Amino acid sequence: MIEHHFIITYSKERGWEWDTDSEASRYQEGTVWDTESESWSMGYLGDGEYLDDDDLVGEQLGTILEIANSASK
C-alpha cells in the first residue's frame, strides 16, 4: 500500500495551509511511504511523472484545505 504524507499547519492569521517547506526539511527522502517495502519515495519522479498520482492527491488536498478555510470564516 502507498501512503501520501503531508504537513498541515493552522494559524488564526492564515488558516489551514499545506506546509511544503516543513515537508522538504522533515521528509528529505520523500513524502510517499510504501508500506510493503517500508521505504520513502519522492512523489514527483521527473519528466511530468508522479508516483501513485501524487499530483492528483495534492490537488485533492488543496481542495480540502480551501473548503476548511471557507467553513471557518
N, C-alpha and C. Protein backbone atom coordinates (compact mmCIF):
# COMPACT_ATOMS: atom_id res chain seq x y z
N MET A 1 0.84 -1.17 0.00
CA MET A 1 0.00 0.00 0.00
C MET A 1 0.89 1.24 0.00
N ILE A 2 0.45 2.26 -0.71
CA ILE A 2 1.16 3.53 -0.79
C ILE A 2 0.41 4.56 0.05
N GLU A 3 1.13 5.30 0.90
CA GLU A 3 0.56 6.36 1.72
C GLU A 3 1.24 7.68 1.39
N HIS A 4 0.44 8.72 1.22
CA HIS A 4 0.96 10.06 0.95
C HIS A 4 0.93 10.84 2.27
N HIS A 5 2.06 11.42 2.64
CA HIS A 5 2.17 12.15 3.90
C HIS A 5 2.31 13.64 3.63
N PHE A 6 1.62 14.43 4.45
CA PHE A 6 1.61 15.88 4.31
C PHE A 6 1.79 16.52 5.69
N ILE A 7 2.30 17.73 5.71
CA ILE A 7 2.32 18.52 6.94
C ILE A 7 1.35 19.67 6.73
N ILE A 8 0.34 19.71 7.58
CA ILE A 8 -0.70 20.74 7.52
C ILE A 8 -0.55 21.60 8.78
N THR A 9 -0.57 22.92 8.61
CA THR A 9 -0.48 23.82 9.75
C THR A 9 -1.74 24.69 9.83
N TYR A 10 -1.96 25.26 11.01
CA TYR A 10 -3.09 26.16 11.20
C TYR A 10 -2.66 27.34 12.04
N SER A 11 -3.07 28.52 11.64
CA SER A 11 -2.92 29.73 12.45
C SER A 11 -4.16 30.58 12.23
N LYS A 12 -4.51 31.38 13.21
CA LYS A 12 -5.68 32.25 13.08
C LYS A 12 -5.50 33.23 11.93
N GLU A 13 -4.27 33.66 11.70
CA GLU A 13 -3.99 34.65 10.66
C GLU A 13 -4.10 34.06 9.25
N ARG A 14 -3.61 32.85 9.05
CA ARG A 14 -3.55 32.28 7.70
C ARG A 14 -4.50 31.11 7.48
N GLY A 15 -5.08 30.59 8.53
CA GLY A 15 -5.97 29.43 8.39
C GLY A 15 -5.18 28.15 8.18
N TRP A 16 -5.81 27.20 7.50
CA TRP A 16 -5.19 25.91 7.22
C TRP A 16 -4.29 26.02 6.00
N GLU A 17 -3.06 25.48 6.12
CA GLU A 17 -2.11 25.54 5.00
C GLU A 17 -1.34 24.23 4.88
N TRP A 18 -0.97 23.92 3.66
CA TRP A 18 -0.10 22.79 3.36
C TRP A 18 1.33 23.33 3.46
N ASP A 19 2.10 22.85 4.42
CA ASP A 19 3.43 23.38 4.70
C ASP A 19 4.50 22.57 3.95
N THR A 20 4.70 22.91 2.69
CA THR A 20 5.65 22.18 1.86
C THR A 20 7.10 22.44 2.28
N ASP A 21 7.37 23.60 2.88
CA ASP A 21 8.74 23.87 3.36
C ASP A 21 9.11 22.91 4.48
N SER A 22 8.18 22.70 5.42
CA SER A 22 8.45 21.75 6.51
C SER A 22 8.55 20.33 5.98
N GLU A 23 7.71 19.99 4.99
CA GLU A 23 7.79 18.66 4.40
C GLU A 23 9.18 18.41 3.81
N ALA A 24 9.70 19.40 3.10
CA ALA A 24 11.00 19.24 2.46
C ALA A 24 12.11 19.01 3.48
N SER A 25 12.00 19.67 4.63
CA SER A 25 13.06 19.50 5.64
C SER A 25 12.85 18.25 6.49
N ARG A 26 11.61 17.86 6.73
CA ARG A 26 11.33 16.70 7.58
C ARG A 26 11.33 15.38 6.82
N TYR A 27 10.88 15.43 5.57
CA TYR A 27 10.78 14.22 4.74
C TYR A 27 11.79 14.32 3.60
N GLN A 28 13.05 14.32 3.92
CA GLN A 28 14.09 14.50 2.91
C GLN A 28 14.15 13.36 1.90
N GLU A 29 13.68 12.18 2.29
CA GLU A 29 13.69 11.03 1.38
C GLU A 29 12.40 10.92 0.58
N GLY A 30 11.47 11.85 0.81
CA GLY A 30 10.21 11.85 0.09
C GLY A 30 9.03 11.80 1.03
N THR A 31 7.84 12.03 0.50
CA THR A 31 6.63 12.07 1.31
C THR A 31 5.69 10.91 1.02
N VAL A 32 6.13 9.97 0.20
CA VAL A 32 5.30 8.82 -0.14
C VAL A 32 5.91 7.58 0.51
N TRP A 33 5.11 6.94 1.36
CA TRP A 33 5.56 5.76 2.11
C TRP A 33 4.97 4.50 1.49
N ASP A 34 5.84 3.56 1.17
CA ASP A 34 5.41 2.25 0.65
C ASP A 34 5.44 1.28 1.83
N THR A 35 4.26 0.86 2.26
CA THR A 35 4.18 0.00 3.45
C THR A 35 4.76 -1.39 3.21
N GLU A 36 4.76 -1.85 1.96
CA GLU A 36 5.29 -3.17 1.67
C GLU A 36 6.81 -3.21 1.70
N SER A 37 7.44 -2.22 1.07
CA SER A 37 8.91 -2.20 1.04
C SER A 37 9.49 -1.41 2.22
N GLU A 38 8.59 -0.75 2.97
CA GLU A 38 8.99 0.10 4.09
C GLU A 38 10.05 1.12 3.67
N SER A 39 9.70 1.85 2.60
CA SER A 39 10.63 2.85 2.07
C SER A 39 9.88 4.12 1.67
N TRP A 40 10.60 5.24 1.73
CA TRP A 40 10.08 6.55 1.32
C TRP A 40 10.48 6.82 -0.11
N SER A 41 9.63 7.56 -0.82
CA SER A 41 9.93 7.98 -2.19
C SER A 41 9.43 9.39 -2.41
N MET A 42 9.99 10.04 -3.40
CA MET A 42 9.52 11.35 -3.82
C MET A 42 8.24 11.15 -4.64
N GLY A 43 7.29 12.05 -4.48
CA GLY A 43 6.06 11.97 -5.24
C GLY A 43 6.26 12.33 -6.70
N TYR A 44 7.19 13.25 -6.97
CA TYR A 44 7.47 13.66 -8.34
C TYR A 44 8.66 12.87 -8.85
N LEU A 45 8.46 12.14 -9.93
CA LEU A 45 9.50 11.28 -10.48
C LEU A 45 10.33 11.96 -11.55
N GLY A 46 9.86 13.12 -12.04
CA GLY A 46 10.55 13.83 -13.12
C GLY A 46 9.84 13.64 -14.44
N ASP A 47 10.16 14.51 -15.38
CA ASP A 47 9.58 14.44 -16.73
C ASP A 47 8.05 14.40 -16.71
N GLY A 48 7.44 15.12 -15.75
CA GLY A 48 5.99 15.19 -15.69
C GLY A 48 5.30 13.96 -15.12
N GLU A 49 6.07 13.04 -14.56
CA GLU A 49 5.50 11.81 -13.99
C GLU A 49 5.46 11.88 -12.47
N TYR A 50 4.38 11.33 -11.91
CA TYR A 50 4.17 11.33 -10.46
C TYR A 50 3.93 9.91 -9.97
N LEU A 51 4.44 9.60 -8.80
CA LEU A 51 4.24 8.31 -8.17
C LEU A 51 2.82 8.21 -7.63
N ASP A 52 2.11 7.16 -8.00
CA ASP A 52 0.78 6.89 -7.46
C ASP A 52 -0.14 8.10 -7.54
N ASP A 53 -0.11 8.81 -8.66
CA ASP A 53 -0.94 10.01 -8.86
C ASP A 53 -0.75 11.06 -7.77
N ASP A 54 0.48 11.26 -7.32
CA ASP A 54 0.77 12.22 -6.25
C ASP A 54 0.29 13.63 -6.61
N ASP A 55 0.33 14.00 -7.88
CA ASP A 55 -0.15 15.32 -8.27
C ASP A 55 -1.65 15.46 -8.03
N LEU A 56 -2.42 14.43 -8.34
CA LEU A 56 -3.86 14.46 -8.12
C LEU A 56 -4.20 14.45 -6.63
N VAL A 57 -3.44 13.69 -5.87
CA VAL A 57 -3.64 13.66 -4.41
C VAL A 57 -3.38 15.05 -3.84
N GLY A 58 -2.35 15.72 -4.32
CA GLY A 58 -2.04 17.08 -3.87
C GLY A 58 -3.14 18.06 -4.23
N GLU A 59 -3.72 17.91 -5.43
CA GLU A 59 -4.83 18.77 -5.82
C GLU A 59 -6.03 18.55 -4.91
N GLN A 60 -6.30 17.30 -4.57
CA GLN A 60 -7.41 17.00 -3.67
C GLN A 60 -7.18 17.61 -2.29
N LEU A 61 -5.95 17.54 -1.81
CA LEU A 61 -5.64 18.15 -0.52
C LEU A 61 -5.86 19.65 -0.57
N GLY A 62 -5.44 20.29 -1.66
CA GLY A 62 -5.65 21.73 -1.81
C GLY A 62 -7.13 22.08 -1.75
N THR A 63 -7.96 21.27 -2.40
CA THR A 63 -9.41 21.50 -2.37
C THR A 63 -9.96 21.35 -0.96
N ILE A 64 -9.50 20.34 -0.25
CA ILE A 64 -9.95 20.10 1.13
C ILE A 64 -9.58 21.29 2.00
N LEU A 65 -8.38 21.83 1.84
CA LEU A 65 -7.95 22.97 2.66
C LEU A 65 -8.76 24.22 2.31
N GLU A 66 -9.09 24.41 1.04
CA GLU A 66 -9.94 25.54 0.65
C GLU A 66 -11.31 25.43 1.32
N ILE A 67 -11.88 24.24 1.33
CA ILE A 67 -13.18 24.01 1.97
C ILE A 67 -13.08 24.29 3.47
N ALA A 68 -12.03 23.80 4.11
CA ALA A 68 -11.85 24.01 5.55
C ALA A 68 -11.71 25.49 5.87
N ASN A 69 -10.96 26.21 5.05
CA ASN A 69 -10.79 27.65 5.29
C ASN A 69 -12.07 28.43 5.03
N SER A 70 -12.86 28.01 4.06
CA SER A 70 -14.14 28.67 3.80
C SER A 70 -15.12 28.43 4.95
N ALA A 71 -15.09 27.24 5.52
CA ALA A 71 -16.01 26.90 6.61
C ALA A 71 -15.67 27.63 7.90
N SER A 72 -14.42 28.04 8.05
CA SER A 72 -14.01 28.67 9.31
C SER A 72 -14.15 30.18 9.27
N LYS A 73 -14.68 30.74 8.17
CA LYS A 73 -14.84 32.20 8.06
C LYS A 73 -16.14 32.64 8.68
